[in-house]
Protein backbone atom coordinates (compact mmCIF):
# COMPACT_ATOMS: atom_id res chain seq x y z
CA MET A 1 0.00 0.00 0.00
CA SER A 2 2.91 2.25 0.74
CA SER A 3 4.39 1.50 -2.66
CA ALA A 4 1.08 2.30 -4.28
CA ALA A 5 0.90 5.62 -2.45
CA GLN A 6 4.40 6.49 -3.55
CA ALA A 7 3.58 5.55 -7.11
CA ALA A 8 0.48 7.74 -6.95
CA GLU A 9 2.51 10.84 -6.05
CA PRO A 10 2.93 13.25 -8.97
CA TRP A 11 6.35 13.39 -10.63
CA TRP A 12 6.80 17.00 -9.54
CA ALA A 13 6.35 16.30 -5.82
CA LEU A 14 9.52 17.23 -3.90
CA SER A 15 10.89 15.73 -0.72
CA TYR A 16 11.19 17.78 2.45
CA ARG A 17 14.99 17.80 2.12
CA THR A 18 14.80 19.07 -1.44
CA VAL A 19 12.38 21.84 -0.45
CA ALA A 20 14.61 22.88 2.45
CA ARG A 21 17.63 22.92 0.14
CA LEU A 22 15.81 25.04 -2.45
CA ARG A 23 14.63 27.44 0.26
CA HIS A 24 18.18 27.71 1.58
CA TRP A 25 19.66 28.48 -1.82
CA GLY A 26 16.79 30.81 -2.64
CA LEU A 27 17.36 32.90 0.48
CA ARG A 28 21.11 32.94 -0.13
CA GLY A 29 20.61 33.93 -3.74
CA ALA A 30 18.22 36.73 -2.81
CA ALA A 31 20.69 38.09 -0.24
CA VAL A 32 23.58 37.96 -2.71
CA LEU A 33 21.47 39.56 -5.43
CA TYR A 34 20.39 42.38 -3.11
CA LEU A 35 24.00 42.97 -2.00
CA GLY A 36 25.14 42.98 -5.60
CA LEU A 37 22.51 45.50 -6.69
CA MET A 38 22.99 47.82 -3.70
CA ILE A 39 26.80 47.70 -3.37
CA GLY A 40 28.55 45.48 -5.89
CA LEU A 41 27.08 46.97 -9.07
CA PRO A 42 27.52 50.65 -8.01
CA VAL A 43 31.12 49.97 -6.95
CA ALA A 44 31.87 48.28 -10.28
CA ALA A 45 30.25 51.17 -12.16
CA ILE A 46 32.23 53.88 -10.38
CA ILE A 47 35.50 51.97 -10.82
CA ASN A 48 34.76 51.64 -14.52
CA GLU A 49 33.87 55.35 -14.72
CA GLY A 50 37.05 56.44 -12.97
CA PHE A 51 39.55 53.99 -14.43
CA GLY A 52 37.96 52.94 -17.70
CA GLU A 53 40.76 54.79 -19.53
CA GLY A 54 43.55 53.84 -17.14
CA LEU A 55 45.00 56.42 -14.79
CA ARG A 56 44.16 59.45 -16.93
CA ALA A 57 41.17 60.52 -14.84
CA LEU A 58 43.13 60.12 -11.60
CA ARG A 59 46.02 62.22 -12.95
CA ASP A 60 43.55 64.89 -14.05
CA ALA A 61 41.92 64.78 -10.62
CA PHE A 62 45.24 65.35 -8.85
CA ALA A 63 45.85 68.32 -11.17
CA TYR A 64 42.66 69.91 -9.83
CA PRO A 65 43.47 72.89 -7.54
CA GLY A 66 43.88 71.66 -3.98
CA ALA A 67 43.10 68.02 -4.77
CA THR A 68 46.22 66.49 -3.22
CA GLN A 69 45.89 68.60 -0.08
CA ALA A 70 42.18 67.70 0.15
CA ILE A 71 42.89 63.96 0.17
CA ILE A 72 45.69 64.35 2.72
CA LEU A 73 43.47 66.52 4.92
CA THR A 74 40.64 63.98 4.74
CA LEU A 75 42.92 61.12 5.77
CA TRP A 76 44.43 63.16 8.60
CA THR A 77 41.14 64.41 10.05
CA SER A 78 39.54 60.96 9.71
CA THR A 79 42.43 59.38 11.61
CA VAL A 80 42.33 61.98 14.38
CA ALA A 81 38.54 61.66 14.66
CA ALA A 82 38.88 57.88 15.00
CA VAL A 83 41.45 58.28 17.79
CA VAL A 84 39.49 60.96 19.64
CA ASN A 85 36.18 59.12 19.45
CA GLY A 86 37.92 55.85 20.27
CA LEU A 87 39.01 57.43 23.57
CA PHE A 88 35.98 59.49 24.53
CA GLY A 89 33.45 57.07 23.04
CA THR A 90 34.86 54.30 25.21
CA MET A 91 34.70 56.54 28.26
CA LEU A 92 31.10 57.42 27.52
CA ALA A 93 30.13 53.78 26.98
CA TYR A 94 31.76 52.85 30.29
CA VAL A 95 29.85 55.58 32.12
CA LEU A 96 26.53 54.50 30.57
CA VAL A 97 27.06 50.85 31.55
CA ARG A 98 28.80 51.02 34.91
CA TYR A 99 27.10 54.01 36.59
CA ARG A 100 23.50 54.73 37.51
CA PHE A 101 22.51 58.37 37.67
CA ARG A 102 19.58 60.62 36.89
CA GLY A 103 19.42 61.46 33.21
CA ARG A 104 21.35 58.38 32.06
CA GLN A 105 18.61 57.33 29.62
CA MET A 106 18.46 60.84 28.22
CA LEU A 107 22.24 60.84 27.76
CA SER A 108 22.03 57.50 25.98
CA ALA A 109 19.37 58.89 23.64
CA ILE A 110 21.48 61.97 22.90
CA VAL A 111 24.36 59.69 21.86
CA ASP A 112 22.20 58.36 19.01
CA LEU A 113 21.04 61.81 17.94
CA PRO A 114 23.70 62.23 15.18
CA LEU A 115 22.32 59.09 13.54
CA ALA A 116 18.78 60.46 13.52
CA ILE A 117 19.32 63.94 12.08
CA PRO A 118 20.84 64.98 8.73
CA THR A 119 24.50 65.88 8.90
CA LEU A 120 23.70 69.26 7.36
CA VAL A 121 21.61 69.97 10.44
CA THR A 122 24.51 68.88 12.66
CA GLY A 123 26.81 71.26 10.81
CA LEU A 124 24.31 74.07 11.13
CA MET A 125 23.96 73.49 14.88
CA LEU A 126 27.73 73.47 15.38
CA ARG A 127 28.07 76.61 13.30
CA ALA A 128 25.37 78.29 15.41
CA VAL A 129 27.50 77.62 18.48
CA TYR A 130 31.07 78.16 17.27
CA SER A 131 30.83 80.86 14.58
CA SER A 132 32.59 84.17 15.20
CA THR A 133 29.24 85.93 15.73
CA THR A 134 28.34 83.86 18.81
CA PRO A 135 29.61 84.37 22.38
CA VAL A 136 31.35 80.98 22.37
CA GLY A 137 32.97 81.62 19.02
CA ARG A 138 34.16 85.08 20.01
CA ALA A 139 35.59 83.74 23.27
CA LEU A 140 37.50 81.02 21.45
CA GLU A 141 38.81 83.39 18.80
CA GLY A 142 39.91 85.73 21.58
CA ALA A 143 42.00 82.83 22.89
CA GLY A 144 43.43 82.25 19.42
CA ILE A 145 41.22 79.23 18.62
CA LYS A 146 39.28 79.39 15.36
CA VAL A 147 36.68 76.70 14.76
CA VAL A 148 34.48 77.69 11.82
CA PHE A 149 36.31 77.85 8.48
CA ALA A 150 39.29 76.06 10.03
CA ARG A 151 40.59 72.50 10.29
CA LEU A 152 39.44 72.33 13.89
CA GLY A 153 35.88 72.80 12.65
CA ILE A 154 36.30 69.83 10.29
CA LEU A 155 37.53 67.66 13.14
CA LEU A 156 34.69 68.82 15.40
CA ALA A 157 32.13 67.98 12.72
CA LEU A 158 33.56 64.50 12.17
CA CYS A 159 33.68 63.72 15.89
CA ALA A 160 30.09 64.87 16.36
CA VAL A 161 28.74 62.85 13.44
CA THR A 162 30.61 59.62 14.23
CA LEU A 163 30.44 59.49 18.04
CA PRO A 164 27.68 56.81 18.18
CA PHE A 165 29.78 54.26 16.31
CA VAL A 166 32.31 53.76 19.10
CA VAL A 167 29.79 54.01 21.93
CA ARG A 168 27.40 51.47 20.43
CA ALA A 169 30.23 49.11 19.52
CA VAL A 170 31.73 49.07 23.02
CA GLN A 171 28.54 49.22 25.10
CA PRO A 172 27.22 45.69 24.34
CA VAL A 173 30.61 44.15 25.17
CA LEU A 174 30.69 45.97 28.50
CA LEU A 175 27.20 44.73 29.29
CA GLU A 176 28.32 41.13 28.76
CA LEU A 177 31.37 41.40 31.05
CA ASP A 178 31.11 39.88 34.50
CA ILE A 179 31.52 42.73 36.96
CA ALA A 180 32.55 40.20 39.62
CA GLU A 181 36.04 40.06 38.09
CA GLU A 182 36.44 43.81 38.51
CA GLU A 183 35.17 43.65 42.07
CA ALA A 184 37.58 40.83 42.86
CA ALA A 185 40.51 42.78 41.47
CA GLN A 186 39.61 45.83 43.55
CA THR A 187 39.21 43.64 46.63
CA LEU A 188 42.77 42.41 46.10
CA GLY A 189 43.99 46.00 46.14
CA ALA A 190 44.02 46.93 42.46
CA SER A 191 43.21 50.54 41.67
CA GLY A 192 40.35 51.51 39.41
CA TRP A 193 42.70 52.30 36.54
CA ALA A 194 44.65 49.04 36.99
CA THR A 195 41.41 47.07 37.02
CA PHE A 196 40.23 48.74 33.83
CA ARG A 197 43.58 48.31 32.08
CA ARG A 198 44.10 44.65 32.99
CA ILE A 199 40.56 43.26 32.96
CA VAL A 200 38.16 45.51 31.06
CA LEU A 201 40.38 46.92 28.31
CA PRO A 202 41.57 43.55 26.89
CA ALA A 203 37.95 42.45 26.58
CA ILE A 204 36.69 45.60 24.85
CA ARG A 205 39.76 46.29 22.69
CA PRO A 206 38.32 44.57 19.58
CA ALA A 207 35.08 46.54 19.99
CA ILE A 208 37.05 49.78 20.27
CA ALA A 209 38.90 48.85 17.07
CA VAL A 210 35.61 48.19 15.29
CA GLY A 211 34.14 51.50 16.46
CA ALA A 212 37.28 53.39 15.45
CA LEU A 213 37.21 51.69 12.05
CA LEU A 214 33.59 52.71 11.51
CA THR A 215 34.49 56.23 12.58
CA PHE A 216 37.36 56.40 10.11
CA ALA A 217 35.32 54.96 7.25
CA ARG A 218 32.36 57.25 7.95
CA SER A 219 34.65 60.29 8.24
CA LEU A 220 36.16 59.61 4.82
CA GLY A 221 32.81 60.30 3.20
CA GLU A 222 31.33 63.01 5.42
CA LEU A 223 30.06 65.96 3.37
CA GLY A 224 27.16 67.81 5.00
CA ALA A 225 28.54 68.94 8.34
CA VAL A 226 32.02 69.54 6.92
CA PHE A 227 30.59 71.56 4.04
CA LEU A 228 29.06 74.08 6.45
CA LEU A 229 32.00 74.33 8.86
CA SER A 230 35.11 74.11 6.72
CA GLY A 231 34.70 77.00 4.28
CA ASN A 232 35.99 74.68 1.50
CA MET A 233 39.16 76.68 0.85
CA PRO A 234 41.48 74.81 -1.58
CA GLY A 235 44.75 73.86 0.03
CA ARG A 236 43.48 74.72 3.52
CA THR A 237 40.06 73.37 4.45
CA LEU A 238 38.87 71.61 1.28
CA THR A 239 38.21 67.91 1.95
CA ALA A 240 37.97 65.03 -0.51
CA PRO A 241 34.15 64.58 -0.32
CA VAL A 242 33.64 68.30 -1.01
CA LEU A 243 36.20 68.01 -3.82
CA ILE A 244 34.19 65.17 -5.35
CA TYR A 245 31.03 67.26 -5.03
CA GLN A 246 32.69 70.20 -6.81
CA MET A 247 34.01 67.98 -9.60
CA ALA A 248 30.59 66.44 -10.15
CA ASN A 249 28.98 69.89 -10.33
CA GLN A 250 31.51 70.82 -13.01
CA TRP A 251 30.61 67.72 -15.06
CA LYS A 252 33.98 66.09 -14.33
CA TYR A 253 32.40 62.76 -13.51
CA ASP A 254 35.40 60.62 -14.44
CA GLN A 255 37.67 62.62 -12.13
CA ALA A 256 35.11 62.52 -9.33
CA ALA A 257 34.78 58.76 -9.81
CA ALA A 258 38.56 58.33 -9.69
CA VAL A 259 38.84 60.15 -6.35
CA SER A 260 35.80 58.25 -5.02
CA THR A 261 37.42 54.95 -5.99
CA LEU A 262 40.61 55.99 -4.23
CA LEU A 263 38.74 56.69 -0.98
CA PHE A 264 36.81 53.44 -1.31
CA THR A 265 40.04 51.48 -1.81
CA ILE A 266 41.62 53.04 1.27
CA ALA A 267 38.56 52.20 3.37
CA PHE A 268 38.47 48.64 2.02
CA VAL A 269 42.15 48.04 2.80
CA VAL A 270 41.64 49.37 6.33
CA VAL A 271 38.73 46.94 6.79
CA LEU A 272 40.88 43.99 5.70
CA VAL A 273 43.82 44.97 7.91
CA THR A 274 41.60 45.58 10.93
CA THR A 275 39.83 42.24 10.45
CA ARG A 276 43.14 40.38 10.41
CA LEU A 277 44.38 42.23 13.48
CA ALA A 278 41.15 41.40 15.34
CA ARG A 279 41.51 37.71 14.45
CA ALA A 280 45.14 37.72 15.58
CA ARG A 281 44.16 39.21 18.94
CA THR A 282 41.49 36.57 19.53
CA GLY A 283 43.77 33.74 18.44
CA GLU A 284 41.66 32.80 15.43
CA ASP A 285 43.10 31.58 12.19
CA ALA A 286 43.81 34.63 10.06
CA ALA A 287 43.98 32.65 6.87
């Protein structure tokens, strides 16, 4: 009877294992297709646009007034922003996890604010505080510190926009740590700094690296806040994203694509290096 039932099944009937396998490959294919359309295809298009004729477009881009200085400035400010937010973002994450105080939830919500508002708005808010027409701006300029239309303004904009990346990368790791180890170390006479350096820091170091990497990568492409604070002066405060914007507005798409590809390549190399370093720290196979 069982054989008769099997014989009665239509030829197109599929086994449970076959259906599961098709579903698995279907989901994987959909994910790969979506990734290809959203990232892979645009990346391939911009590489072809910038380097379809070899290095000509890149040479023309470097001949653009202030182009070399803009790329160097972008790399420098992105690196400094990653270091600064790596330090203060870790401190802020530690305070949010380890201390209980009134207004902690509000502070945590404020940390995510740069992710919720346009970066142009962030730049406008910073300019409203630090421009030379405001009390804060005048006080700083009286002390010889210029923020708006200066490199310090670029760095301030990048730090403000990218602060959540480090905080939200470190905070979950801190929440998972067993506070009993810290308490035991302090009971044995270790100071607060020694406890943090020997117990907490080794555990959160990979998360700090991830947050700093995200900060660096995000800073490479920041346009809105920097556009309003830097003044975009070639050779002084012009950054690579603003340079790309100017080239595109002048119909120099191949040159803009060449500079964009250069920034993308730098960010991609940093991702690979950081991934290998993180694996080496955790003892995983880096191959």
